Structures are given as structure tokens and as C-alpha cells.
Amino acid sequence: MDLSERRVVGSLLLLSGLTFFTLGLHTEQLEFLLDIVKKIFETAVLGVP
């Protein structure tokens, strides 16, 4: 996969993430989304030495 294909895939992932975040805000599930984000960041921080 060359650089332009990676950029397209990254852009699509970012767009889908923002879309799901907006849907979560619209359906008033913000607290659930914040819990997911907290778990992701906790896991990411555990791997840092």
C-alpha cells in the first residue's frame, strides 16, 4: 500500500469515527462514549513505560 492509499484509509477511519461520535451525541449516549474513550486511553497509557 503506498502513501496515498494509506491517507485515504486514514481519512475514512477518521470520518467514520467522527460520524459515530456525532450519532452518539445525537442519541444522548455521551456518557457511554466517554466511558469507551476513557478505557481506550487507560489501555494506551498502560503500555507506555
Protein backbone atom coordinates (compact mmCIF):
# COMPACT_ATOMS: atom_id res chain seq x y z
CA MET A 1 0.00 0.00 0.00
CA ASP A 2 1.51 3.31 -0.99
CA LEU A 3 1.23 6.61 0.86
CA SER A 4 -1.84 7.93 -0.97
CA GLU A 5 -3.79 4.73 -0.22
CA ARG A 6 -2.85 4.97 3.45
CA ARG A 7 -4.06 8.56 3.56
CA VAL A 8 -7.40 7.56 2.04
CA VAL A 9 -7.85 4.72 4.53
CA GLY A 10 -6.89 7.03 7.42
CA SER A 11 -9.32 9.67 6.25
CA LEU A 12 -12.13 7.13 6.01
CA LEU A 13 -11.41 5.85 9.52
CA LEU A 14 -11.37 9.38 10.90
CA LEU A 15 -14.61 10.23 9.13
CA SER A 16 -16.36 7.11 10.40
CA GLY A 17 -15.15 7.79 13.95
CA LEU A 18 -16.46 11.34 13.85
CA THR A 19 -19.74 10.10 12.39
CA PHE A 20 -20.22 7.58 15.20
CA PHE A 21 -19.31 10.23 17.77
CA THR A 22 -21.91 12.61 16.30
CA LEU A 23 -24.54 9.86 16.30
CA GLY A 24 -23.73 9.18 19.94
CA LEU A 25 -24.21 12.84 20.78
CA HIS A 26 -27.47 12.94 18.85
CA THR A 27 -28.89 9.88 20.60
CA GLU A 28 -27.79 11.23 24.02
CA GLN A 29 -25.31 8.43 24.72
CA LEU A 30 -22.46 10.78 25.56
CA GLU A 31 -21.73 9.14 28.92
CA PHE A 32 -21.32 5.72 27.26
CA LEU A 33 -18.99 7.22 24.65
CA LEU A 34 -16.90 8.93 27.31
CA ASP A 35 -16.52 5.62 29.16
CA ILE A 36 -15.27 3.98 25.97
CA VAL A 37 -12.78 6.80 25.36
CA LYS A 38 -11.54 6.54 28.98
CA LYS A 39 -10.97 2.79 28.60
CA ILE A 40 -9.08 3.30 25.35
CA PHE A 41 -6.80 5.93 26.88
CA GLU A 42 -6.23 3.85 30.04
CA THR A 43 -5.14 0.92 27.89
CA ALA A 44 -2.91 3.14 25.78
CA VAL A 45 -1.25 4.67 28.85
CA LEU A 46 -0.60 1.24 30.42
CA GLY A 47 1.65 0.36 27.51
CA VAL A 48 3.83 3.45 27.96
CA PRO A 49 6.94 2.78 30.09
